[in-house]
Amino acid sequence: MPKIKTNRAAAKRFRKTASGKIKRGHAFKSHILTKKSTKLKRELRAPAYLKSCDAPGVVRMLPYL
């Protein structure tokens, strides 16, 4: 059986936690930050987690996660 290729775009965006959840980053925090509030920018720093309905698609792209 050949190895399955990992989707490199997905590999850069998602990590698996010890409990098995898929961790992701937030959008809207890379540029045009002057008009965004300090509170919003602070909240965007925290990690977010994929919903359980979206996880199977990501796991398929990352076979060795």
PDB file of N, CA and C in Angstrom:
ATOM      1  N   MET A   1       0.846  -1.193   0.000  1.00  0.00           N
ATOM      2  CA  MET A   1       0.000   0.000   0.000  1.00  0.00           C
ATOM      3  C   MET A   1       0.886   1.250   0.000  1.00  0.00           C
ATOM      4  N   PRO A   2       0.660   2.185  -0.886  1.00  0.00           N
ATOM      5  CA  PRO A   2       1.457   3.416  -0.862  1.00  0.00           C
ATOM      6  C   PRO A   2       1.032   4.328   0.287  1.00  0.00           C
ATOM      7  N   LYS A   3       1.917   5.229   0.609  1.00  0.00           N
ATOM      8  CA  LYS A   3       1.580   6.225   1.630  1.00  0.00           C
ATOM      9  C   LYS A   3       0.513   7.167   1.086  1.00  0.00           C
ATOM     10  N   ILE A   4      -0.296   7.709   1.987  1.00  0.00           N
ATOM     11  CA  ILE A   4      -1.317   8.685   1.600  1.00  0.00           C
ATOM     12  C   ILE A   4      -0.707  10.067   1.732  1.00  0.00           C
ATOM     13  N   LYS A   5      -0.926  10.910   0.737  1.00  0.00           N
ATOM     14  CA  LYS A   5      -0.376  12.266   0.798  1.00  0.00           C
ATOM     15  C   LYS A   5      -1.188  13.131   1.740  1.00  0.00           C
ATOM     16  N   THR A   6      -0.480  13.893   2.553  1.00  0.00           N
ATOM     17  CA  THR A   6      -1.101  14.871   3.444  1.00  0.00           C
ATOM     18  C   THR A   6      -1.363  16.149   2.664  1.00  0.00           C
ATOM     19  N   ASN A   7      -2.505  16.741   2.883  1.00  0.00           N
ATOM     20  CA  ASN A   7      -2.808  18.052   2.300  1.00  0.00           C
ATOM     21  C   ASN A   7      -1.996  19.094   3.066  1.00  0.00           C
ATOM     22  N   ARG A   8      -0.983  19.664   2.418  1.00  0.00           N
ATOM     23  CA  ARG A   8      -0.048  20.556   3.115  1.00  0.00           C
ATOM     24  C   ARG A   8      -0.707  21.852   3.561  1.00  0.00           C
ATOM     25  N   ALA A   9      -1.708  22.317   2.827  1.00  0.00           N
ATOM     26  CA  ALA A   9      -2.423  23.529   3.243  1.00  0.00           C
ATOM     27  C   ALA A   9      -3.143  23.276   4.562  1.00  0.00           C
ATOM     28  N   ALA A  10      -3.761  22.116   4.693  1.00  0.00           N
ATOM     29  CA  ALA A  10      -4.466  21.780   5.931  1.00  0.00           C
ATOM     30  C   ALA A  10      -3.483  21.543   7.069  1.00  0.00           C
ATOM     31  N   ALA A  11      -2.332  20.948   6.766  1.00  0.00           N
ATOM     32  CA  ALA A  11      -1.343  20.649   7.801  1.00  0.00           C
ATOM     33  C   ALA A  11      -0.816  21.917   8.462  1.00  0.00           C
ATOM     34  N   LYS A  12      -0.789  23.022   7.712  1.00  0.00           N
ATOM     35  CA  LYS A  12      -0.303  24.283   8.257  1.00  0.00           C
ATOM     36  C   LYS A  12      -1.361  24.991   9.096  1.00  0.00           C
ATOM     37  N   ARG A  13      -2.627  24.587   8.962  1.00  0.00           N
ATOM     38  CA  ARG A  13      -3.715  25.306   9.618  1.00  0.00           C
ATOM     39  C   ARG A  13      -4.312  24.597  10.821  1.00  0.00           C
ATOM     40  N   PHE A  14      -4.121  23.299  10.927  1.00  0.00           N
ATOM     41  CA  PHE A  14      -4.783  22.531  11.975  1.00  0.00           C
ATOM     42  C   PHE A  14      -3.791  21.716  12.781  1.00  0.00           C
ATOM     43  N   ARG A  15      -4.091  21.557  14.076  1.00  0.00           N
ATOM     44  CA  ARG A  15      -3.315  20.697  14.964  1.00  0.00           C
ATOM     45  C   ARG A  15      -4.297  19.861  15.762  1.00  0.00           C
ATOM     46  N   LYS A  16      -3.855  18.700  16.192  1.00  0.00           N
ATOM     47  CA  LYS A  16      -4.700  17.837  17.003  1.00  0.00           C
ATOM     48  C   LYS A  16      -4.298  17.999  18.471  1.00  0.00           C
ATOM     49  N   THR A  17      -5.281  18.092  19.359  1.00  0.00           N
ATOM     50  CA  THR A  17      -5.003  18.219  20.784  1.00  0.00           C
ATOM     51  C   THR A  17      -4.920  16.832  21.407  1.00  0.00           C
ATOM     52  N   ALA A  18      -4.496  16.780  22.674  1.00  0.00           N
ATOM     53  CA  ALA A  18      -4.368  15.504  23.366  1.00  0.00           C
ATOM     54  C   ALA A  18      -5.720  14.815  23.529  1.00  0.00           C
ATOM     55  N   SER A  19      -6.786  15.595  23.634  1.00  0.00           N
ATOM     56  CA  SER A  19      -8.120  15.010  23.799  1.00  0.00           C
ATOM     57  C   SER A  19      -8.746  14.598  22.477  1.00  0.00           C
ATOM     58  N   GLY A  20      -8.057  14.896  21.350  1.00  0.00           N
ATOM     59  CA  GLY A  20      -8.549  14.472  20.050  1.00  0.00           C
ATOM     60  C   GLY A  20      -9.291  15.539  19.270  1.00  0.00           C
ATOM     61  N   LYS A  21      -9.433  16.741  19.857  1.00  0.00           N
ATOM     62  CA  LYS A  21     -10.086  17.825  19.131  1.00  0.00           C
ATOM     63  C   LYS A  21      -9.130  18.388  18.088  1.00  0.00           C
ATOM     64  N   ILE A  22      -9.674  19.074  17.096  1.00  0.00           N
ATOM     65  CA  ILE A  22      -8.864  19.736  16.064  1.00  0.00           C
ATOM     66  C   ILE A  22      -8.826  21.223  16.387  1.00  0.00           C
ATOM     67  N   LYS A  23      -7.617  21.739  16.591  1.00  0.00           N
ATOM     68  CA  LYS A  23      -7.435  23.142  16.941  1.00  0.00           C
ATOM     69  C   LYS A  23      -7.157  23.939  15.679  1.00  0.00           C
ATOM     70  N   ARG A  24      -7.697  25.154  15.599  1.00  0.00           N
ATOM     71  CA  ARG A  24      -7.491  26.019  14.443  1.00  0.00           C
ATOM     72  C   ARG A  24      -7.280  27.436  14.924  1.00  0.00           C
ATOM     73  N   GLY A  25      -6.808  28.291  14.024  1.00  0.00           N
ATOM     74  CA  GLY A  25      -6.653  29.699  14.334  1.00  0.00           C
ATOM     75  C   GLY A  25      -7.864  30.494  13.901  1.00  0.00           C
ATOM     76  N   HIS A  26      -7.901  31.747  14.304  1.00  0.00           N
ATOM     77  CA  HIS A  26      -8.986  32.634  13.902  1.00  0.00           C
ATOM     78  C   HIS A  26      -8.617  33.395  12.636  1.00  0.00           C
ATOM     79  N   ALA A  27      -9.624  33.769  11.890  1.00  0.00           N
ATOM     80  CA  ALA A  27      -9.440  34.650  10.748  1.00  0.00           C
ATOM     81  C   ALA A  27      -9.513  36.110  11.211  1.00  0.00           C
ATOM     82  N   PHE A  28      -9.245  37.032  10.319  1.00  0.00           N
ATOM     83  CA  PHE A  28      -9.393  38.482  10.537  1.00  0.00           C
ATOM     84  C   PHE A  28      -8.392  39.070  11.523  1.00  0.00           C
ATOM     85  N   LYS A  29      -7.203  38.484  11.646  1.00  0.00           N
ATOM     86  CA  LYS A  29      -6.247  39.058  12.591  1.00  0.00           C
ATOM     87  C   LYS A  29      -4.889  39.344  11.978  1.00  0.00           C
ATOM     88  N   SER A  30      -4.807  39.372  10.644  1.00  0.00           N
ATOM     89  CA  SER A  30      -3.489  39.533  10.034  1.00  0.00           C
ATOM     90  C   SER A  30      -3.200  40.949   9.539  1.00  0.00           C
ATOM     91  N   HIS A  31      -4.210  41.694   9.146  1.00  0.00           N
ATOM     92  CA  HIS A  31      -3.963  43.057   8.657  1.00  0.00           C
ATOM     93  C   HIS A  31      -5.224  43.893   8.862  1.00  0.00           C
ATOM     94  N   ILE A  32      -5.092  45.184   8.606  1.00  0.00           N
ATOM     95  CA  ILE A  32      -6.149  46.174   8.882  1.00  0.00           C
ATOM     96  C   ILE A  32      -6.581  46.064  10.348  1.00  0.00           C
ATOM     97  N   LEU A  33      -5.602  46.131  11.237  1.00  0.00           N
ATOM     98  CA  LEU A  33      -5.884  45.943  12.663  1.00  0.00           C
ATOM     99  C   LEU A  33      -6.212  47.240  13.378  1.00  0.00           C
ATOM    100  N   THR A  34      -5.957  48.386  12.733  1.00  0.00           N
ATOM    101  CA  THR A  34      -6.152  49.654  13.431  1.00  0.00           C
ATOM    102  C   THR A  34      -7.618  49.918  13.744  1.00  0.00           C
ATOM    103  N   LYS A  35      -8.516  49.481  12.871  1.00  0.00           N
ATOM    104  CA  LYS A  35      -9.935  49.749  13.114  1.00  0.00           C
ATOM    105  C   LYS A  35     -10.589  48.705  14.010  1.00  0.00           C
ATOM    106  N   LYS A  36      -9.870  47.645  14.344  1.00  0.00           N
ATOM    107  CA  LYS A  36     -10.432  46.605  15.208  1.00  0.00           C
ATOM    108  C   LYS A  36     -10.114  46.924  16.661  1.00  0.00           C
ATOM    109  N   SER A  37     -11.035  46.611  17.527  1.00  0.00           N
ATOM    110  CA  SER A  37     -10.858  46.950  18.939  1.00  0.00           C
ATOM    111  C   SER A  37      -9.787  46.063  19.577  1.00  0.00           C
ATOM    112  N   THR A  38      -9.221  46.555  20.665  1.00  0.00           N
ATOM    113  CA  THR A  38      -8.222  45.788  21.402  1.00  0.00           C
ATOM    114  C   THR A  38      -8.821  44.489  21.909  1.00  0.00           C
ATOM    115  N   LYS A  39     -10.058  44.550  22.355  1.00  0.00           N
ATOM    116  CA  LYS A  39     -10.729  43.355  22.862  1.00  0.00           C
ATOM    117  C   LYS A  39     -10.872  42.293  21.770  1.00  0.00           C
ATOM    118  N   LEU A  40     -11.264  42.707  20.580  1.00  0.00           N
ATOM    119  CA  LEU A  40     -11.422  41.758  19.482  1.00  0.00           C
ATOM    120  C   LEU A  40     -10.087  41.123  19.126  1.00  0.00           C
ATOM    121  N   LYS A  41      -9.031  41.944  19.034  1.00  0.00           N
ATOM    122  CA  LYS A  41      -7.721  41.415  18.676  1.00  0.00           C
ATOM    123  C   LYS A  41      -7.217  40.442  19.732  1.00  0.00           C
ATOM    124  N   ARG A  42      -7.486  40.720  20.981  1.00  0.00           N
ATOM    125  CA  ARG A  42      -7.083  39.834  22.075  1.00  0.00           C
ATOM    126  C   ARG A  42      -7.842  38.501  21.996  1.00  0.00           C
ATOM    127  N   GLU A  43      -9.142  38.563  21.696  1.00  0.00           N
ATOM    128  CA  GLU A  43      -9.949  37.338  21.604  1.00  0.00           C
ATOM    129  C   GLU A  43      -9.559  36.493  20.393  1.00  0.00           C
ATOM    130  N   LEU A  44      -9.113  37.149  19.320  1.00  0.00           N
ATOM    131  CA  LEU A  44      -8.712  36.403  18.127  1.00  0.00           C
ATOM    132  C   LEU A  44      -7.407  35.639  18.333  1.00  0.00           C
ATOM    133  N   ARG A  45      -6.620  36.032  19.355  1.00  0.00           N
ATOM    134  CA  ARG A  45      -5.370  35.336  19.634  1.00  0.00           C
ATOM    135  C   ARG A  45      -5.600  33.934  20.181  1.00  0.00           C
ATOM    136  N   ALA A  46      -6.681  33.741  20.902  1.00  0.00           N
ATOM    137  CA  ALA A  46      -6.951  32.456  21.540  1.00  0.00           C
ATOM    138  C   ALA A  46      -7.263  31.397  20.482  1.00  0.00           C
ATOM    139  N   PRO A  47      -6.917  30.136  20.747  1.00  0.00           N
ATOM    140  CA  PRO A  47      -7.216  29.101  19.761  1.00  0.00           C
ATOM    141  C   PRO A  47      -8.706  28.820  19.663  1.00  0.00           C
ATOM    142  N   ALA A  48      -9.118  28.354  18.517  1.00  0.00           N
ATOM    143  CA  ALA A  48     -10.501  27.931  18.302  1.00  0.00           C
ATOM    144  C   ALA A  48     -10.480  26.453  17.960  1.00  0.00           C
ATOM    145  N   TYR A  49     -11.609  25.810  18.100  1.00  0.00           N
ATOM    146  CA  TYR A  49     -11.696  24.378  17.841  1.00  0.00           C
ATOM    147  C   TYR A  49     -12.741  24.119  16.772  1.00  0.00           C
ATOM    148  N   LEU A  50     -12.481  23.147  15.922  1.00  0.00           N
ATOM    149  CA  LEU A  50     -13.425  22.788  14.876  1.00  0.00           C
ATOM    150  C   LEU A  50     -14.676  22.180  15.480  1.00  0.00           C
ATOM    151  N   LYS A  51     -15.797  22.437  14.846  1.00  0.00           N
ATOM    152  CA  LYS A  51     -17.027  21.768  15.245  1.00  0.00           C
ATOM    153  C   LYS A  51     -16.936  20.310  14.828  1.00  0.00           C
ATOM    154  N   SER A  52     -17.645  19.471  15.554  1.00  0.00           N
ATOM    155  CA  SER A  52     -17.563  18.031  15.288  1.00  0.00           C
ATOM    156  C   SER A  52     -18.045  17.678  13.884  1.00  0.00           C
ATOM    157  N   CYS A  53     -18.964  18.483  13.325  1.00  0.00           N
ATOM    158  CA  CYS A  53     -19.470  18.181  11.975  1.00  0.00           C
ATOM    159  C   CYS A  53     -18.434  18.508  10.907  1.00  0.00           C
ATOM    160  N   ASP A  54     -17.479  19.408  11.186  1.00  0.00           N
ATOM    161  CA  ASP A  54     -16.457  19.771  10.212  1.00  0.00           C
ATOM    162  C   ASP A  54     -15.193  18.922  10.333  1.00  0.00           C
ATOM    163  N   ALA A  55     -15.031  18.241  11.446  1.00  0.00           N
ATOM    164  CA  ALA A  55     -13.800  17.497  11.709  1.00  0.00           C
ATOM    165  C   ALA A  55     -13.524  16.363  10.717  1.00  0.00           C
ATOM    166  N   PRO A  56     -14.517  15.576  10.286  1.00  0.00           N
ATOM    167  CA  PRO A  56     -14.190  14.468   9.378  1.00  0.00           C
ATOM    168  C   PRO A  56     -13.522  14.911   8.073  1.00  0.00           C
ATOM    169  N   GLY A  57     -13.904  16.035   7.533  1.00  0.00           N
ATOM    170  CA  GLY A  57     -13.290  16.517   6.303  1.00  0.00           C
ATOM    171  C   GLY A  57     -11.834  16.871   6.487  1.00  0.00           C
ATOM    172  N   VAL A  58     -11.506  17.450   7.640  1.00  0.00           N
ATOM    173  CA  VAL A  58     -10.118  17.828   7.922  1.00  0.00           C
ATOM    174  C   VAL A  58      -9.297  16.579   8.211  1.00  0.00           C
ATOM    175  N   VAL A  59      -9.858  15.645   8.940  1.00  0.00           N
ATOM    176  CA  VAL A  59      -9.127  14.413   9.265  1.00  0.00           C
ATOM    177  C   VAL A  59      -8.802  13.641   7.990  1.00  0.00           C
ATOM    178  N   ARG A  60      -9.663  13.711   6.996  1.00  0.00           N
ATOM    179  CA  ARG A  60      -9.403  13.038   5.720  1.00  0.00           C
ATOM    180  C   ARG A  60      -8.210  13.658   5.007  1.00  0.00           C
ATOM    181  N   MET A  61      -8.014  14.969   5.172  1.00  0.00           N
ATOM    182  CA  MET A  61      -6.876  15.646   4.533  1.00  0.00           C
ATOM    183  C   MET A  61      -5.572  15.393   5.283  1.00  0.00           C
ATOM    184  N   LEU A  62      -5.677  14.987   6.553  1.00  0.00           N
ATOM    185  CA  LEU A  62      -4.501  14.794   7.399  1.00  0.00           C
ATOM    186  C   LEU A  62      -4.481  13.361   7.915  1.00  0.00           C
ATOM    187  N   PRO A  63      -4.091  12.406   7.076  1.00  0.00           N
ATOM    188  CA  PRO A  63      -4.197  11.004   7.474  1.00  0.00           C
ATOM    189  C   PRO A  63      -3.278  10.612   8.628  1.00  0.00           C
ATOM    190  N   TYR A  64      -2.197  11.336   8.845  1.00  0.00           N
ATOM    191  CA  TYR A  64      -1.234  10.961   9.894  1.00  0.00           C
ATOM    192  C   TYR A  64      -1.289  11.894  11.074  1.00  0.00           C
ATOM    193  N   LEU A  65      -2.392  12.582  11.234  1.00  0.00           N
ATOM    194  CA  LEU A  65      -2.559  13.534  12.337  1.00  0.00           C
ATOM    195  C   LEU A  65      -2.764  12.797  13.642  1.00  0.00           C
TER     196      LEU A  65
END
